[in-house]
Amino acid sequence: MIETLIKENLKHMTIISGFEIKQKSKAYEEAGHKVVHLELGEPDFNTPENIVEAGIKALRSGQTHYAPATGILPLRQAISTYVNKYKHLTSTPDNILVTPGAKPILFYTMMATIQPGDEVIVPSPGFVVYEPLVKYCGGIPVALPLKEDYGFRFHPDDLKKLINKNTKMIIFNSPHNPTGGLMTKEDVLAVAELLVGTNILILSDEIYDRMIYGDTKPVSLGSINELADQTVILDGFSKTYAMTGWRLGYGVLPKRMIQYLQPLVVASNSCTATFIQYAGIEALQGSQEGPKTMIQAYQDRRDFFIKGLNAIPHLRCVMPQGAFYAFPNITGLKMTSQEAADYLLEEAKIASIPGSSFGQYGEGYLRFAYATSKENLAEALDRIESAIGKLHL
């Protein structure tokens, strides 16, 4: 009975994410095994104390009532100042929409713009929710391949070939999940040349843009004046400030677009928790030592883990330039990515995500999140090498 009531589009929302893998690994933990969790893209650090105290202070001062659907003005002002500094935008508080986590920006934007038959160009491999959301909204996802030998970036010429009269939206994500790839300034300017003057909406996922490790700095497409009016920027507090459980995100959008998204906010969740928004103000305006310390630790872990992966026979891994993910090529194992992930979980008690979960061009890879201690990473490397050795390749 229930099956006949469910919308066909909702059946596209099958998503294999770190949450599902973590649940799957519970059976091994309940049997007494230690599982090394490399599946969830979640900082292993606690939220910096100054942010926690700001949230507590807001609770105790009575900030427990409804807030405006778009977010409280002090936070929107703080976000506007922040993005103008770090992303080189020219926003005002009227360009900011605050949401419970960053994912709603994806959902609201797609629900408001994608119609049946519209094509949406998505990076592949790409974040696990992009393609399912496009399909749910009636759109057609068009895979833009990210190439390992190009640092898991895409070449602008490849994008040009995919753009046609049916293209409604293009999704960008830099630094990139799941590969850690980072588009260069030259990449971004070349892409801008293709999009200026078109009626194509740009959805730029910039949740990792403070997590970079080399000299290359991320460039937001929204910082290009000619594209500002057709760009939606998604960002939030989960990664940079270790605030995953707080659920606090935001979008930077053309002002007139917010009036169309606001009813979706009201209908779905009314507003974002008020006291959490005050914690967000402290995150942006308070000490930045917490994020700085975390990013330094991630870089140290990255260097250690990628070197270790590349020392294991039959694996190779590009050095990620941002985020906190390793995306090793596992084709030498002569398994599909799903088979490899299952084998490592069963044989080595290593939880990872198969590359196929991230789209058609993710096959042949695994995603490991190195947002855990070096001790755990060292143990993971030992277990992975031992498990692969048993394959007698």
Protein backbone atom coordinates (compact mmCIF):
# COMPACT_ATOMS: atom_id res chain seq x y z
CA MET A 1 0.00 0.00 0.00
CA ILE A 2 2.65 2.55 1.06
CA GLU A 3 4.75 1.87 -2.07
CA THR A 4 1.85 2.99 -4.26
CA LEU A 5 1.60 6.28 -2.37
CA ILE A 6 5.25 7.30 -2.61
CA LYS A 7 6.13 9.72 -5.40
CA GLU A 8 8.25 8.14 -8.10
CA ASN A 9 10.78 10.98 -7.82
CA LEU A 10 11.40 10.18 -4.16
CA LYS A 11 12.74 6.78 -5.18
CA HIS A 12 15.75 8.62 -6.64
CA MET A 13 16.75 9.68 -3.13
CA THR A 14 18.76 6.55 -2.38
CA ILE A 15 21.99 7.93 -0.94
CA ILE A 16 24.98 5.99 0.38
CA SER A 17 26.71 8.37 2.78
CA GLY A 18 28.97 8.17 5.77
CA PHE A 19 25.93 7.90 8.04
CA GLU A 20 24.80 4.67 6.36
CA ILE A 21 28.32 3.21 6.42
CA LYS A 22 28.69 4.06 10.09
CA GLN A 23 25.42 2.30 10.84
CA LYS A 24 26.59 -0.73 8.86
CA SER A 25 29.82 -0.90 10.85
CA LYS A 26 27.93 -1.04 14.14
CA ALA A 27 27.45 -4.79 13.82
CA TYR A 28 31.22 -5.28 13.90
CA GLU A 29 31.60 -3.00 16.92
CA GLU A 30 28.82 -4.81 18.76
CA ALA A 31 30.72 -8.05 18.11
CA GLY A 32 33.73 -6.55 19.90
CA HIS A 33 35.82 -5.33 16.95
CA LYS A 34 37.45 -1.91 16.81
CA VAL A 35 36.39 -0.20 13.60
CA VAL A 36 38.56 2.65 12.31
CA HIS A 37 36.02 5.19 11.08
CA LEU A 38 37.15 7.00 7.95
CA GLU A 39 33.69 7.36 6.43
CA LEU A 40 32.17 10.49 7.95
CA GLY A 41 33.21 13.95 6.84
CA GLU A 42 33.12 15.27 10.37
CA PRO A 43 35.87 17.04 12.32
CA ASP A 44 37.05 15.03 15.31
CA PHE A 45 37.61 18.28 17.21
CA ASN A 46 35.04 19.78 19.55
CA THR A 47 33.54 23.17 18.81
CA PRO A 48 35.88 25.91 20.08
CA GLU A 49 35.02 26.94 23.63
CA ASN A 50 34.31 30.59 22.82
CA ILE A 51 31.57 29.51 20.40
CA VAL A 52 30.07 27.09 22.93
CA GLU A 53 29.99 29.80 25.58
CA ALA A 54 28.27 32.20 23.18
CA GLY A 55 25.54 29.61 22.58
CA ILE A 56 25.09 29.03 26.31
CA LYS A 57 24.96 32.76 26.99
CA ALA A 58 22.28 33.17 24.32
CA LEU A 59 20.22 30.38 25.87
CA ARG A 60 20.46 31.90 29.32
CA SER A 61 19.53 35.35 28.05
CA GLY A 62 16.29 34.04 26.56
CA GLN A 63 17.21 33.67 22.89
CA THR A 64 14.89 30.68 22.58
CA HIS A 65 12.05 32.14 20.52
CA TYR A 66 11.29 32.28 16.82
CA ALA A 67 13.74 34.16 14.63
CA PRO A 68 13.12 35.76 11.23
CA ALA A 69 12.94 33.14 8.49
CA THR A 70 15.99 34.59 6.74
CA GLY A 71 18.06 34.74 9.95
CA ILE A 72 18.66 37.34 12.64
CA LEU A 73 20.10 40.59 11.35
CA PRO A 74 23.29 40.53 13.51
CA LEU A 75 24.25 37.14 12.06
CA ARG A 76 23.44 38.17 8.50
CA GLN A 77 25.59 41.26 9.02
CA ALA A 78 28.42 39.12 10.38
CA ILE A 79 28.15 36.67 7.48
CA SER A 80 28.13 39.48 4.93
CA THR A 81 31.28 40.99 6.43
CA TYR A 82 32.92 37.56 6.56
CA VAL A 83 32.20 36.55 2.96
CA ASN A 84 33.21 39.96 1.67
CA LYS A 85 36.58 39.48 3.39
CA TYR A 86 37.27 35.82 2.65
CA LYS A 87 35.44 35.37 -0.66
CA HIS A 88 35.91 38.91 -1.99
CA LEU A 89 32.19 39.42 -2.53
CA THR A 90 30.21 42.65 -2.43
CA SER A 91 27.27 41.31 -0.43
CA THR A 92 24.95 43.01 2.07
CA PRO A 93 22.84 41.34 4.79
CA ASP A 94 19.98 41.32 2.26
CA ASN A 95 21.94 38.76 0.22
CA ILE A 96 22.16 36.29 3.12
CA LEU A 97 19.78 33.41 3.92
CA VAL A 98 20.50 31.51 7.16
CA THR A 99 19.47 27.85 7.29
CA PRO A 100 19.71 24.86 9.68
CA GLY A 101 22.80 23.39 8.06
CA ALA A 102 24.03 24.11 4.54
CA LYS A 103 22.11 21.38 2.68
CA PRO A 104 18.83 23.36 2.69
CA ILE A 105 20.46 25.89 0.35
CA LEU A 106 20.88 23.06 -2.17
CA PHE A 107 17.31 21.88 -1.70
CA TYR A 108 15.61 25.29 -1.71
CA THR A 109 17.55 26.48 -4.74
CA MET A 110 16.79 23.36 -6.76
CA MET A 111 13.13 23.25 -5.73
CA ALA A 112 12.72 26.88 -6.72
CA THR A 113 14.40 26.67 -10.12
CA ILE A 114 14.56 23.17 -11.64
CA GLN A 115 11.67 22.06 -13.80
CA PRO A 116 11.15 18.68 -15.52
CA GLY A 117 13.61 18.26 -18.34
CA ASP A 118 16.06 20.91 -17.14
CA GLU A 119 19.67 19.78 -17.27
CA VAL A 120 21.95 20.35 -14.30
CA ILE A 121 25.69 19.88 -14.76
CA VAL A 122 27.14 18.18 -11.68
CA PRO A 123 30.76 17.31 -10.88
CA SER A 124 31.49 13.59 -11.01
CA PRO A 125 32.67 12.32 -8.65
CA GLY A 126 30.61 14.72 -6.58
CA PHE A 127 28.89 15.12 -3.22
CA VAL A 128 26.41 12.26 -2.79
CA VAL A 129 23.27 14.40 -2.62
CA TYR A 130 23.74 16.44 -5.82
CA GLU A 131 22.42 13.95 -8.37
CA PRO A 132 19.56 12.55 -6.25
CA LEU A 133 18.27 16.07 -5.50
CA VAL A 134 18.38 17.02 -9.18
CA LYS A 135 16.39 13.90 -10.07
CA TYR A 136 13.92 14.45 -7.24
CA CYS A 137 13.21 17.94 -8.59
CA GLY A 138 12.57 16.49 -12.05
CA GLY A 139 15.87 17.58 -13.56
CA ILE A 140 18.42 15.62 -15.55
CA PRO A 141 21.91 15.43 -13.99
CA VAL A 142 24.71 15.71 -16.52
CA ALA A 143 28.05 14.40 -15.26
CA LEU A 144 31.08 16.66 -15.58
CA PRO A 145 34.12 14.38 -15.13
CA LEU A 146 36.83 15.38 -12.68
CA LYS A 147 40.09 13.86 -13.84
CA GLU A 148 42.66 12.27 -11.56
CA ASP A 149 45.54 13.31 -13.82
CA TYR A 150 44.27 16.91 -13.66
CA GLY A 151 44.28 17.02 -9.85
CA PHE A 152 40.58 16.07 -9.77
CA ARG A 153 39.64 19.31 -11.47
CA PHE A 154 37.68 19.61 -14.67
CA HIS A 155 38.93 21.23 -17.83
CA PRO A 156 36.81 24.21 -18.96
CA ASP A 157 36.66 22.71 -22.47
CA ASP A 158 34.89 19.67 -21.01
CA LEU A 159 32.33 21.96 -19.41
CA LYS A 160 31.83 23.85 -22.66
CA LYS A 161 30.89 20.62 -24.44
CA LEU A 162 28.08 19.93 -21.96
CA ILE A 163 26.38 23.33 -22.04
CA ASN A 164 23.31 23.53 -24.27
CA LYS A 165 19.90 25.23 -24.43
CA ASN A 166 18.53 22.88 -21.75
CA THR A 167 21.23 23.70 -19.19
CA LYS A 168 19.52 25.36 -16.21
CA MET A 169 22.19 25.07 -13.52
CA ILE A 170 25.83 24.19 -12.94
CA ILE A 171 27.08 22.96 -9.55
CA PHE A 172 30.63 23.77 -8.50
CA ASN A 173 32.42 22.53 -5.41
CA SER A 174 35.94 23.75 -4.65
CA PRO A 175 37.69 22.56 -2.53
CA HIS A 176 35.97 19.38 -3.52
CA ASN A 177 34.25 16.51 -1.77
CA PRO A 178 35.18 13.64 -2.20
CA THR A 179 38.58 14.25 -3.82
CA GLY A 180 40.07 17.34 -2.16
CA GLY A 181 40.61 18.87 -5.61
CA LEU A 182 40.85 22.66 -5.86
CA MET A 183 40.11 24.80 -8.92
CA THR A 184 42.81 27.32 -9.75
CA LYS A 185 42.19 31.00 -10.43
CA GLU A 186 42.85 30.30 -14.11
CA ASP A 187 40.23 27.54 -14.05
CA VAL A 188 37.65 29.84 -12.50
CA LEU A 189 38.32 32.68 -14.95
CA ALA A 190 38.02 30.30 -17.89
CA VAL A 191 34.70 29.02 -16.55
CA ALA A 192 33.50 32.58 -16.02
CA GLU A 193 34.14 33.33 -19.70
CA LEU A 194 31.76 30.51 -20.59
CA LEU A 195 28.98 31.63 -18.26
CA VAL A 196 28.97 35.42 -18.40
CA GLY A 197 25.94 36.54 -20.41
CA THR A 198 24.10 33.21 -20.12
CA ASN A 199 20.93 32.49 -18.18
CA ILE A 200 22.55 29.56 -16.34
CA LEU A 201 22.34 29.53 -12.54
CA ILE A 202 25.58 28.75 -10.71
CA LEU A 203 25.33 26.86 -7.42
CA SER A 204 28.74 27.12 -5.78
CA ASP A 205 29.32 24.80 -2.82
CA GLU A 206 32.10 26.48 -0.82
CA ILE A 207 31.76 24.68 2.50
CA TYR A 208 35.48 23.73 2.52
CA ASP A 209 37.00 26.99 1.28
CA ARG A 210 38.86 27.66 4.55
CA MET A 211 40.36 24.15 4.45
CA ILE A 212 43.23 24.57 2.03
CA TYR A 213 46.84 23.46 2.38
CA GLY A 214 48.95 24.86 -0.44
CA ASP A 215 49.59 28.23 -2.02
CA THR A 216 46.56 28.00 -4.32
CA LYS A 217 43.67 30.00 -2.86
CA PRO A 218 40.05 29.26 -3.74
CA VAL A 219 38.34 31.79 -5.98
CA SER A 220 34.58 32.14 -5.73
CA LEU A 221 32.66 32.51 -8.97
CA GLY A 222 30.46 34.92 -7.02
CA SER A 223 33.41 37.29 -6.69
CA ILE A 224 33.30 37.94 -10.45
CA ASN A 225 31.02 40.95 -10.79
CA GLU A 226 29.43 39.79 -14.04
CA LEU A 227 28.38 36.49 -12.40
CA ALA A 228 27.24 37.75 -9.00
CA ASP A 229 23.62 38.03 -10.12
CA GLN A 230 23.42 34.41 -11.27
CA THR A 231 25.40 32.76 -8.46
CA VAL A 232 24.15 31.06 -5.29
CA ILE A 233 26.92 30.36 -2.77
CA LEU A 234 26.46 27.62 -0.19
CA ASP A 235 28.51 27.69 3.00
CA GLY A 236 28.23 26.95 6.70
CA PHE A 237 29.89 26.43 10.03
CA SER A 238 30.13 22.63 10.26
CA LYS A 239 33.59 22.06 8.82
CA THR A 240 35.63 25.19 9.56
CA TYR A 241 34.33 25.61 13.11
CA ALA A 242 33.64 21.93 13.98
CA MET A 243 29.93 22.68 14.43
CA THR A 244 28.38 19.72 12.62
CA GLY A 245 25.79 19.03 15.31
CA TRP A 246 24.77 22.67 15.64
CA ARG A 247 23.24 22.64 12.13
CA LEU A 248 24.03 26.15 10.97
CA GLY A 249 24.55 27.14 7.35
CA TYR A 250 23.81 29.93 4.95
CA GLY A 251 23.52 30.97 1.35
CA VAL A 252 24.70 34.11 -0.37
CA LEU A 253 22.14 34.79 -3.09
CA PRO A 254 20.89 37.51 -5.41
CA LYS A 255 18.63 39.66 -3.21
CA ARG A 256 15.53 39.17 -5.33
CA MET A 257 15.94 35.38 -5.16
CA ILE A 258 15.60 35.30 -1.38
CA GLN A 259 11.99 36.51 -1.60
CA TYR A 260 11.15 33.37 -3.58
CA LEU A 261 13.02 30.99 -1.27
CA GLN A 262 11.66 32.49 1.96
CA PRO A 263 8.25 30.74 1.67
CA LEU A 264 10.07 27.40 1.37
CA VAL A 265 11.92 28.18 4.61
CA VAL A 266 8.70 29.11 6.39
CA ALA A 267 6.88 26.03 5.13
CA SER A 268 9.68 23.59 6.01
CA ASN A 269 11.36 24.70 9.23
CA SER A 270 10.13 28.25 10.03
CA CYS A 271 13.58 29.46 11.03
CA THR A 272 16.99 28.45 12.31
CA ALA A 273 17.34 28.05 16.10
CA THR A 274 17.90 31.52 17.54
CA PHE A 275 20.54 30.75 20.17
CA ILE A 276 22.58 28.81 17.60
CA GLN A 277 22.68 31.89 15.40
CA TYR A 278 24.30 33.86 18.23
CA ALA A 279 26.95 31.16 18.49
CA GLY A 280 27.50 31.66 14.75
CA ILE A 281 28.19 35.35 15.30
CA GLU A 282 30.92 34.48 17.78
CA ALA A 283 32.37 31.93 15.36
CA LEU A 284 32.80 34.57 12.68
CA GLN A 285 33.76 37.54 14.84
CA GLY A 286 35.66 35.84 17.66
CA SER A 287 39.11 34.26 17.76
CA GLN A 288 40.08 32.28 14.65
CA GLU A 289 42.74 30.28 16.48
CA GLY A 290 40.47 27.24 16.69
CA PRO A 291 40.05 26.88 12.91
CA LYS A 292 43.73 27.66 12.38
CA THR A 293 44.80 24.89 14.78
CA MET A 294 42.42 22.39 13.21
CA ILE A 295 43.56 23.12 9.65
CA GLN A 296 47.21 22.73 10.65
CA ALA A 297 46.36 19.34 12.16
CA TYR A 298 44.49 18.26 9.02
CA GLN A 299 47.47 19.21 6.87
CA ASP A 300 49.79 17.14 9.04
CA ARG A 301 47.39 14.20 8.86
CA ARG A 302 46.99 14.63 5.11
CA ASP A 303 50.73 14.51 4.49
CA PHE A 304 51.11 11.43 6.68
CA PHE A 305 48.12 9.53 5.31
CA ILE A 306 48.61 10.19 1.60
CA LYS A 307 52.28 9.19 1.84
CA GLY A 308 51.19 6.00 3.58
CA LEU A 309 48.53 5.18 0.99
CA ASN A 310 50.98 5.66 -1.87
CA ALA A 311 53.40 3.25 -0.18
CA ILE A 312 50.81 0.45 -0.28
CA PRO A 313 51.07 -1.77 -3.38
CA HIS A 314 48.19 -1.49 -5.88
CA LEU A 315 47.02 1.90 -4.55
CA ARG A 316 47.78 5.42 -5.73
CA CYS A 317 46.46 8.67 -4.36
CA VAL A 318 46.60 12.26 -5.60
CA MET A 319 47.61 14.77 -2.93
CA PRO A 320 44.40 16.66 -2.00
CA GLN A 321 44.69 20.44 -1.94
CA GLY A 322 41.76 21.07 0.36
CA ALA A 323 38.98 19.56 2.53
CA PHE A 324 39.93 16.45 4.55
CA TYR A 325 39.43 13.56 2.15
CA ALA A 326 41.72 11.10 0.43
CA PHE A 327 40.43 9.56 -2.80
CA PRO A 328 42.80 6.74 -3.73
CA ASN A 329 42.62 4.88 -7.03
CA ILE A 330 41.92 1.22 -6.21
CA THR A 331 41.66 -0.23 -9.73
CA GLY A 332 44.78 -2.24 -9.00
CA LEU A 333 42.75 -4.32 -6.56
CA LYS A 334 40.66 -5.67 -9.45
CA MET A 335 37.47 -4.99 -7.51
CA THR A 336 34.63 -2.55 -7.87
CA SER A 337 34.69 0.27 -5.36
CA GLN A 338 31.73 -1.27 -3.54
CA GLU A 339 33.50 -4.63 -3.33
CA ALA A 340 36.66 -2.94 -2.06
CA ALA A 341 34.79 -0.96 0.60
CA ASP A 342 32.96 -4.11 1.73
CA TYR A 343 36.20 -6.10 1.80
CA LEU A 344 38.06 -3.51 3.88
CA LEU A 345 35.18 -3.29 6.35
CA GLU A 346 34.89 -7.06 6.70
CA GLU A 347 38.57 -7.97 6.60
CA ALA A 348 40.26 -4.90 8.11
CA LYS A 349 37.41 -3.19 9.99
CA ILE A 350 38.07 0.01 8.03
CA ALA A 351 34.97 2.07 7.26
CA SER A 352 35.14 3.97 3.97
CA ILE A 353 32.77 5.06 1.20
CA PRO A 354 32.87 3.47 -2.26
CA GLY A 355 33.64 5.94 -5.02
CA SER A 356 30.59 4.80 -6.98
CA SER A 357 28.43 6.55 -4.36
CA PHE A 358 29.74 9.85 -5.75
CA GLY A 359 28.61 9.28 -9.33
CA GLN A 360 29.68 7.37 -12.42
CA TYR A 361 33.21 8.81 -12.52
CA GLY A 362 33.78 7.84 -8.89
CA GLU A 363 34.03 4.16 -9.74
CA GLY A 364 37.52 2.81 -9.16
CA TYR A 365 38.13 4.89 -6.02
CA LEU A 366 37.42 4.92 -2.29
CA ARG A 367 36.91 7.93 -0.06
CA PHE A 368 38.71 8.06 3.28
CA ALA A 369 38.14 11.00 5.62
CA TYR A 370 41.37 11.80 7.48
CA ALA A 371 39.53 13.89 10.09
CA THR A 372 40.79 11.60 12.82
CA SER A 373 43.96 11.19 14.86
CA LYS A 374 47.31 10.20 13.35
CA GLU A 375 47.23 7.15 15.61
CA ASN A 376 43.99 6.02 13.97
CA LEU A 377 45.37 6.80 10.53
CA ALA A 378 48.53 4.81 11.22
CA GLU A 379 46.44 1.86 12.37
CA ALA A 380 44.24 2.20 9.29
CA LEU A 381 47.25 2.14 6.96
CA ASP A 382 48.59 -1.00 8.63
CA ARG A 383 45.22 -2.73 8.37
CA ILE A 384 44.68 -1.71 4.75
CA GLU A 385 48.13 -2.93 3.71
CA SER A 386 47.61 -6.23 5.53
CA ALA A 387 44.17 -6.77 3.98
CA ILE A 388 45.41 -6.00 0.47
CA GLY A 389 48.35 -8.35 0.99
CA LYS A 390 45.90 -11.19 1.57
CA LEU A 391 44.48 -10.73 -1.93
CA HIS A 392 47.70 -12.12 -3.53
CA LEU A 393 47.37 -9.81 -6.51
